[in-house]
Amino acid sequence: MYLNKLLIILLLSSSVVFANAIIITNKNFKDTLTINDVKSIFLGKKTRLSDQTLLYPAYLETLDESTLSFFTQVIKKPYRKFNKYWIKRVFSGHGVPPKRLKNIGQLLKYVSENKGAIAIVSNKVKLDGDIKVLPLSW
Protein backbone atom coordinates (compact mmCIF):
# COMPACT_ATOMS: atom_id res chain seq x y z
CA MET A 1 0.00 0.00 0.00
CA TYR A 2 2.77 2.42 0.94
CA LEU A 3 4.64 1.68 -2.31
CA ASN A 4 1.52 2.33 -4.39
CA LYS A 5 1.04 5.74 -2.75
CA LEU A 6 4.71 6.56 -3.22
CA LEU A 7 4.55 5.57 -6.89
CA ILE A 8 1.49 7.77 -7.45
CA ILE A 9 3.20 10.73 -5.77
CA LEU A 10 6.32 10.25 -7.90
CA LEU A 11 4.32 10.01 -11.11
CA LEU A 12 2.31 13.12 -10.30
CA SER A 13 5.36 15.13 -9.31
CA SER A 14 7.23 14.17 -12.49
CA SER A 15 4.31 15.20 -14.71
CA VAL A 16 4.09 18.53 -12.88
CA VAL A 17 7.77 19.20 -13.58
CA PHE A 18 7.35 18.42 -17.27
CA ALA A 19 4.19 20.54 -17.34
CA ASN A 20 6.43 23.62 -17.10
CA ALA A 21 7.89 22.91 -20.57
CA ILE A 22 5.86 23.13 -23.74
CA ILE A 23 6.61 22.22 -27.32
CA ILE A 24 6.00 25.03 -29.79
CA THR A 25 5.85 25.01 -33.57
CA ASN A 26 5.20 27.28 -36.50
CA LYS A 27 1.48 28.01 -36.93
CA ASN A 28 1.54 26.08 -40.24
CA PHE A 29 2.78 22.85 -38.60
CA LYS A 30 0.05 20.33 -39.44
CA ASP A 31 1.28 16.97 -38.10
CA THR A 32 0.17 15.50 -34.80
CA LEU A 33 3.06 14.10 -32.78
CA THR A 34 3.46 11.71 -29.90
CA ILE A 35 5.99 12.03 -27.11
CA ASN A 36 8.05 9.35 -28.89
CA ASP A 37 7.97 11.41 -32.10
CA VAL A 38 9.32 14.43 -30.22
CA LYS A 39 12.04 12.29 -28.68
CA SER A 40 12.98 10.97 -32.14
CA ILE A 41 13.07 14.51 -33.55
CA PHE A 42 15.41 15.82 -30.86
CA LEU A 43 17.63 12.74 -31.24
CA GLY A 44 17.80 13.23 -35.02
CA LYS A 45 16.03 9.98 -35.82
CA LYS A 46 12.94 11.65 -37.31
CA THR A 47 13.90 14.42 -39.71
CA ARG A 48 10.78 15.02 -41.81
CA LEU A 49 7.07 15.61 -41.41
CA SER A 50 4.52 13.46 -43.22
CA ASP A 51 4.53 15.99 -46.10
CA GLN A 52 8.36 15.68 -46.29
CA THR A 53 8.99 19.12 -44.72
CA LEU A 54 12.34 19.08 -42.92
CA LEU A 55 12.20 19.29 -39.12
CA TYR A 56 14.29 21.87 -37.25
CA PRO A 57 14.40 21.18 -33.50
CA ALA A 58 15.62 24.00 -31.27
CA TYR A 59 15.98 25.10 -27.67
CA LEU A 60 17.53 27.90 -25.65
CA GLU A 61 21.25 27.88 -24.91
CA THR A 62 20.47 28.92 -21.35
CA LEU A 63 18.80 25.89 -19.83
CA ASP A 64 16.03 26.42 -17.32
CA GLU A 65 14.33 23.83 -15.11
CA SER A 66 11.57 23.12 -17.62
CA THR A 67 14.05 22.41 -20.42
CA LEU A 68 16.21 20.22 -18.21
CA SER A 69 13.16 18.23 -17.11
CA PHE A 70 12.16 17.84 -20.77
CA PHE A 71 15.51 16.19 -21.54
CA THR A 72 15.24 13.89 -18.53
CA GLN A 73 11.60 12.92 -18.93
CA VAL A 74 10.97 12.98 -22.69
CA ILE A 75 14.40 12.37 -24.22
CA LYS A 76 15.25 10.03 -21.34
CA LYS A 77 18.75 11.49 -21.05
CA PRO A 78 20.03 14.17 -18.70
CA TYR A 79 21.21 17.18 -20.71
CA ARG A 80 24.89 16.23 -20.30
CA LYS A 81 24.27 12.81 -21.90
CA PHE A 82 22.10 14.38 -24.62
CA ASN A 83 24.96 16.74 -25.45
CA LYS A 84 27.50 13.86 -25.54
CA TYR A 85 25.11 11.89 -27.76
CA TRP A 86 25.14 14.73 -30.28
CA ILE A 87 28.91 15.23 -30.11
CA LYS A 88 29.35 11.57 -31.09
CA ARG A 89 26.74 11.76 -33.87
CA VAL A 90 28.23 14.91 -35.38
CA PHE A 91 31.77 13.56 -35.15
CA SER A 92 30.70 10.37 -36.95
CA GLY A 93 28.81 12.35 -39.61
CA HIS A 94 25.32 11.25 -38.57
CA GLY A 95 23.13 14.30 -38.39
CA VAL A 96 22.83 17.88 -37.28
CA PRO A 97 22.07 18.63 -33.63
CA PRO A 98 19.10 20.76 -32.57
CA LYS A 99 19.73 24.47 -32.93
CA ARG A 100 20.62 26.30 -29.72
CA LEU A 101 19.56 29.94 -29.67
CA LYS A 102 20.83 32.64 -27.33
CA ASN A 103 17.55 34.19 -26.22
CA ILE A 104 13.80 33.72 -26.36
CA GLY A 105 13.37 36.41 -29.02
CA GLN A 106 15.70 34.57 -31.40
CA LEU A 107 14.00 31.25 -30.64
CA LEU A 108 10.51 32.59 -31.28
CA LYS A 109 11.64 34.26 -34.51
CA TYR A 110 13.29 31.01 -35.65
CA VAL A 111 10.11 29.02 -34.99
CA SER A 112 7.82 31.57 -36.64
CA GLU A 113 10.00 31.69 -39.79
CA ASN A 114 10.50 27.92 -40.30
CA LYS A 115 7.53 25.63 -41.04
CA GLY A 116 9.34 22.56 -39.66
CA ALA A 117 10.66 24.24 -36.52
CA ILE A 118 9.86 22.62 -33.20
CA ALA A 119 11.17 23.98 -29.90
CA ILE A 120 11.11 23.51 -26.14
CA VAL A 121 10.18 26.55 -24.06
CA SER A 122 8.85 27.32 -20.62
CA ASN A 123 5.08 27.53 -20.39
CA LYS A 124 5.57 31.07 -19.06
CA VAL A 125 6.75 32.35 -22.46
CA LYS A 126 4.33 34.69 -24.21
CA LEU A 127 3.65 33.43 -27.75
CA ASP A 128 2.60 35.46 -30.78
CA GLY A 129 0.17 34.54 -33.56
CA ASP A 130 2.81 32.87 -35.75
CA ILE A 131 3.52 30.19 -33.13
CA LYS A 132 1.34 27.52 -31.59
CA VAL A 133 1.67 25.06 -28.74
CA LEU A 134 1.89 21.55 -30.15
CA PRO A 135 -0.59 19.18 -28.54
CA LEU A 136 1.12 15.85 -27.84
CA SER A 137 -0.46 12.45 -27.55
CA TRP A 138 1.01 9.82 -25.26
C-alpha atoms as a PDB file:
ATOM      1  CA  MET A   1       0.000   0.000   0.000  1.00  0.00           C
ATOM      2  CA  TYR A   2       2.770   2.417   0.942  1.00  0.00           C
ATOM      3  CA  LEU A   3       4.641   1.679  -2.311  1.00  0.00           C
ATOM      4  CA  ASN A   4       1.516   2.332  -4.386  1.00  0.00           C
ATOM      5  CA  LYS A   5       1.044   5.738  -2.749  1.00  0.00           C
ATOM      6  CA  LEU A   6       4.705   6.560  -3.221  1.00  0.00           C
ATOM      7  CA  LEU A   7       4.549   5.574  -6.888  1.00  0.00           C
ATOM      8  CA  ILE A   8       1.489   7.769  -7.453  1.00  0.00           C
ATOM      9  CA  ILE A   9       3.200  10.727  -5.772  1.00  0.00           C
ATOM     10  CA  LEU A  10       6.319  10.253  -7.897  1.00  0.00           C
ATOM     11  CA  LEU A  11       4.319  10.012 -11.115  1.00  0.00           C
ATOM     12  CA  LEU A  12       2.308  13.120 -10.296  1.00  0.00           C
ATOM     13  CA  SER A  13       5.362  15.129  -9.309  1.00  0.00           C
ATOM     14  CA  SER A  14       7.234  14.175 -12.490  1.00  0.00           C
ATOM     15  CA  SER A  15       4.312  15.203 -14.709  1.00  0.00           C
ATOM     16  CA  VAL A  16       4.087  18.525 -12.885  1.00  0.00           C
ATOM     17  CA  VAL A  17       7.767  19.204 -13.576  1.00  0.00           C
ATOM     18  CA  PHE A  18       7.353  18.417 -17.274  1.00  0.00           C
ATOM     19  CA  ALA A  19       4.188  20.542 -17.338  1.00  0.00           C
ATOM     20  CA  ASN A  20       6.432  23.621 -17.104  1.00  0.00           C
ATOM     21  CA  ALA A  21       7.895  22.911 -20.568  1.00  0.00           C
ATOM     22  CA  ILE A  22       5.857  23.127 -23.737  1.00  0.00           C
ATOM     23  CA  ILE A  23       6.607  22.218 -27.321  1.00  0.00           C
ATOM     24  CA  ILE A  24       5.999  25.035 -29.789  1.00  0.00           C
ATOM     25  CA  THR A  25       5.850  25.010 -33.572  1.00  0.00           C
ATOM     26  CA  ASN A  26       5.204  27.281 -36.496  1.00  0.00           C
ATOM     27  CA  LYS A  27       1.477  28.006 -36.931  1.00  0.00           C
ATOM     28  CA  ASN A  28       1.543  26.080 -40.244  1.00  0.00           C
ATOM     29  CA  PHE A  29       2.784  22.854 -38.602  1.00  0.00           C
ATOM     30  CA  LYS A  30       0.051  20.327 -39.444  1.00  0.00           C
ATOM     31  CA  ASP A  31       1.276  16.971 -38.101  1.00  0.00           C
ATOM     32  CA  THR A  32       0.174  15.497 -34.795  1.00  0.00           C
ATOM     33  CA  LEU A  33       3.060  14.102 -32.784  1.00  0.00           C
ATOM     34  CA  THR A  34       3.461  11.708 -29.898  1.00  0.00           C
ATOM     35  CA  ILE A  35       5.985  12.028 -27.108  1.00  0.00           C
ATOM     36  CA  ASN A  36       8.053   9.349 -28.885  1.00  0.00           C
ATOM     37  CA  ASP A  37       7.973  11.410 -32.101  1.00  0.00           C
ATOM     38  CA  VAL A  38       9.320  14.434 -30.224  1.00  0.00           C
ATOM     39  CA  LYS A  39      12.043  12.290 -28.684  1.00  0.00           C
ATOM     40  CA  SER A  40      12.984  10.974 -32.141  1.00  0.00           C
ATOM     41  CA  ILE A  41      13.073  14.510 -33.553  1.00  0.00           C
ATOM     42  CA  PHE A  42      15.410  15.815 -30.860  1.00  0.00           C
ATOM     43  CA  LEU A  43      17.628  12.737 -31.240  1.00  0.00           C
ATOM     44  CA  GLY A  44      17.801  13.234 -35.019  1.00  0.00           C
ATOM     45  CA  LYS A  45      16.026   9.977 -35.820  1.00  0.00           C
ATOM     46  CA  LYS A  46      12.936  11.646 -37.310  1.00  0.00           C
ATOM     47  CA  THR A  47      13.903  14.422 -39.707  1.00  0.00           C
ATOM     48  CA  ARG A  48      10.780  15.024 -41.812  1.00  0.00           C
ATOM     49  CA  LEU A  49       7.069  15.612 -41.405  1.00  0.00           C
ATOM     50  CA  SER A  50       4.520  13.462 -43.222  1.00  0.00           C
ATOM     51  CA  ASP A  51       4.529  15.985 -46.103  1.00  0.00           C
ATOM     52  CA  GLN A  52       8.361  15.685 -46.290  1.00  0.00           C
ATOM     53  CA  THR A  53       8.993  19.118 -44.716  1.00  0.00           C
ATOM     54  CA  LEU A  54      12.343  19.078 -42.916  1.00  0.00           C
ATOM     55  CA  LEU A  55      12.201  19.291 -39.124  1.00  0.00           C
ATOM     56  CA  TYR A  56      14.286  21.865 -37.253  1.00  0.00           C
ATOM     57  CA  PRO A  57      14.396  21.176 -33.497  1.00  0.00           C
ATOM     58  CA  ALA A  58      15.618  23.998 -31.270  1.00  0.00           C
ATOM     59  CA  TYR A  59      15.981  25.098 -27.671  1.00  0.00           C
ATOM     60  CA  LEU A  60      17.527  27.899 -25.652  1.00  0.00           C
ATOM     61  CA  GLU A  61      21.245  27.878 -24.907  1.00  0.00           C
ATOM     62  CA  THR A  62      20.473  28.921 -21.348  1.00  0.00           C
ATOM     63  CA  LEU A  63      18.803  25.889 -19.829  1.00  0.00           C
ATOM     64  CA  ASP A  64      16.026  26.422 -17.323  1.00  0.00           C
ATOM     65  CA  GLU A  65      14.334  23.827 -15.112  1.00  0.00           C
ATOM     66  CA  SER A  66      11.571  23.121 -17.620  1.00  0.00           C
ATOM     67  CA  THR A  67      14.045  22.407 -20.425  1.00  0.00           C
ATOM     68  CA  LEU A  68      16.211  20.219 -18.208  1.00  0.00           C
ATOM     69  CA  SER A  69      13.159  18.230 -17.108  1.00  0.00           C
ATOM     70  CA  PHE A  70      12.157  17.841 -20.775  1.00  0.00           C
ATOM     71  CA  PHE A  71      15.509  16.187 -21.537  1.00  0.00           C
ATOM     72  CA  THR A  72      15.240  13.894 -18.533  1.00  0.00           C
ATOM     73  CA  GLN A  73      11.598  12.925 -18.928  1.00  0.00           C
ATOM     74  CA  VAL A  74      10.974  12.985 -22.688  1.00  0.00           C
ATOM     75  CA  ILE A  75      14.398  12.375 -24.225  1.00  0.00           C
ATOM     76  CA  LYS A  76      15.245  10.029 -21.338  1.00  0.00           C
ATOM     77  CA  LYS A  77      18.751  11.493 -21.051  1.00  0.00           C
ATOM     78  CA  PRO A  78      20.027  14.171 -18.704  1.00  0.00           C
ATOM     79  CA  TYR A  79      21.207  17.181 -20.707  1.00  0.00           C
ATOM     80  CA  ARG A  80      24.889  16.235 -20.299  1.00  0.00           C
ATOM     81  CA  LYS A  81      24.273  12.810 -21.898  1.00  0.00           C
ATOM     82  CA  PHE A  82      22.103  14.377 -24.615  1.00  0.00           C
ATOM     83  CA  ASN A  83      24.963  16.742 -25.445  1.00  0.00           C
ATOM     84  CA  LYS A  84      27.497  13.856 -25.540  1.00  0.00           C
ATOM     85  CA  TYR A  85      25.113  11.887 -27.755  1.00  0.00           C
ATOM     86  CA  TRP A  86      25.139  14.732 -30.280  1.00  0.00           C
ATOM     87  CA  ILE A  87      28.906  15.235 -30.113  1.00  0.00           C
ATOM     88  CA  LYS A  88      29.349  11.566 -31.086  1.00  0.00           C
ATOM     89  CA  ARG A  89      26.741  11.760 -33.869  1.00  0.00           C
ATOM     90  CA  VAL A  90      28.225  14.912 -35.381  1.00  0.00           C
ATOM     91  CA  PHE A  91      31.771  13.556 -35.147  1.00  0.00           C
ATOM     92  CA  SER A  92      30.703  10.373 -36.953  1.00  0.00           C
ATOM     93  CA  GLY A  93      28.811  12.353 -39.607  1.00  0.00           C
ATOM     94  CA  HIS A  94      25.323  11.246 -38.568  1.00  0.00           C
ATOM     95  CA  GLY A  95      23.131  14.304 -38.393  1.00  0.00           C
ATOM     96  CA  VAL A  96      22.834  17.878 -37.285  1.00  0.00           C
ATOM     97  CA  PRO A  97      22.068  18.631 -33.627  1.00  0.00           C
ATOM     98  CA  PRO A  98      19.104  20.759 -32.574  1.00  0.00           C
ATOM     99  CA  LYS A  99      19.735  24.473 -32.927  1.00  0.00           C
ATOM    100  CA  ARG A 100      20.622  26.299 -29.718  1.00  0.00           C
ATOM    101  CA  LEU A 101      19.564  29.940 -29.672  1.00  0.00           C
ATOM    102  CA  LYS A 102      20.831  32.639 -27.332  1.00  0.00           C
ATOM    103  CA  ASN A 103      17.545  34.194 -26.220  1.00  0.00           C
ATOM    104  CA  ILE A 104      13.796  33.722 -26.361  1.00  0.00           C
ATOM    105  CA  GLY A 105      13.367  36.409 -29.023  1.00  0.00           C
ATOM    106  CA  GLN A 106      15.696  34.569 -31.395  1.00  0.00           C
ATOM    107  CA  LEU A 107      14.001  31.248 -30.644  1.00  0.00           C
ATOM    108  CA  LEU A 108      10.505  32.587 -31.281  1.00  0.00           C
ATOM    109  CA  LYS A 109      11.641  34.259 -34.511  1.00  0.00           C
ATOM    110  CA  TYR A 110      13.288  31.008 -35.650  1.00  0.00           C
ATOM    111  CA  VAL A 111      10.111  29.017 -34.987  1.00  0.00           C
ATOM    112  CA  SER A 112       7.821  31.568 -36.636  1.00  0.00           C
ATOM    113  CA  GLU A 113      10.001  31.691 -39.792  1.00  0.00           C
ATOM    114  CA  ASN A 114      10.501  27.920 -40.298  1.00  0.00           C
ATOM    115  CA  LYS A 115       7.533  25.632 -41.039  1.00  0.00           C
ATOM    116  CA  GLY A 116       9.337  22.556 -39.665  1.00  0.00           C
ATOM    117  CA  ALA A 117      10.659  24.243 -36.522  1.00  0.00           C
ATOM    118  CA  ILE A 118       9.858  22.622 -33.197  1.00  0.00           C
ATOM    119  CA  ALA A 119      11.173  23.981 -29.900  1.00  0.00           C
ATOM    120  CA  ILE A 120      11.105  23.508 -26.141  1.00  0.00           C
ATOM    121  CA  VAL A 121      10.184  26.549 -24.057  1.00  0.00           C
ATOM    122  CA  SER A 122       8.854  27.320 -20.618  1.00  0.00           C
ATOM    123  CA  ASN A 123       5.079  27.526 -20.390  1.00  0.00           C
ATOM    124  CA  LYS A 124       5.566  31.074 -19.064  1.00  0.00           C
ATOM    125  CA  VAL A 125       6.751  32.350 -22.465  1.00  0.00           C
ATOM    126  CA  LYS A 126       4.328  34.686 -24.214  1.00  0.00           C
ATOM    127  CA  LEU A 127       3.650  33.427 -27.749  1.00  0.00           C
ATOM    128  CA  ASP A 128       2.596  35.463 -30.776  1.00  0.00           C
ATOM    129  CA  GLY A 129       0.169  34.540 -33.560  1.00  0.00           C
ATOM    130  CA  ASP A 130       2.809  32.869 -35.754  1.00  0.00           C
ATOM    131  CA  ILE A 131       3.524  30.190 -33.133  1.00  0.00           C
ATOM    132  CA  LYS A 132       1.335  27.524 -31.593  1.00  0.00           C
ATOM    133  CA  VAL A 133       1.665  25.060 -28.742  1.00  0.00           C
ATOM    134  CA  LEU A 134       1.894  21.549 -30.146  1.00  0.00           C
ATOM    135  CA  PRO A 135      -0.587  19.180 -28.538  1.00  0.00           C
ATOM    136  CA  LEU A 136       1.115  15.854 -27.838  1.00  0.00           C
ATOM    137  CA  SER A 137      -0.458  12.454 -27.547  1.00  0.00           C
ATOM    138  CA  TRP A 138       1.014   9.822 -25.256  1.00  0.00           C
END
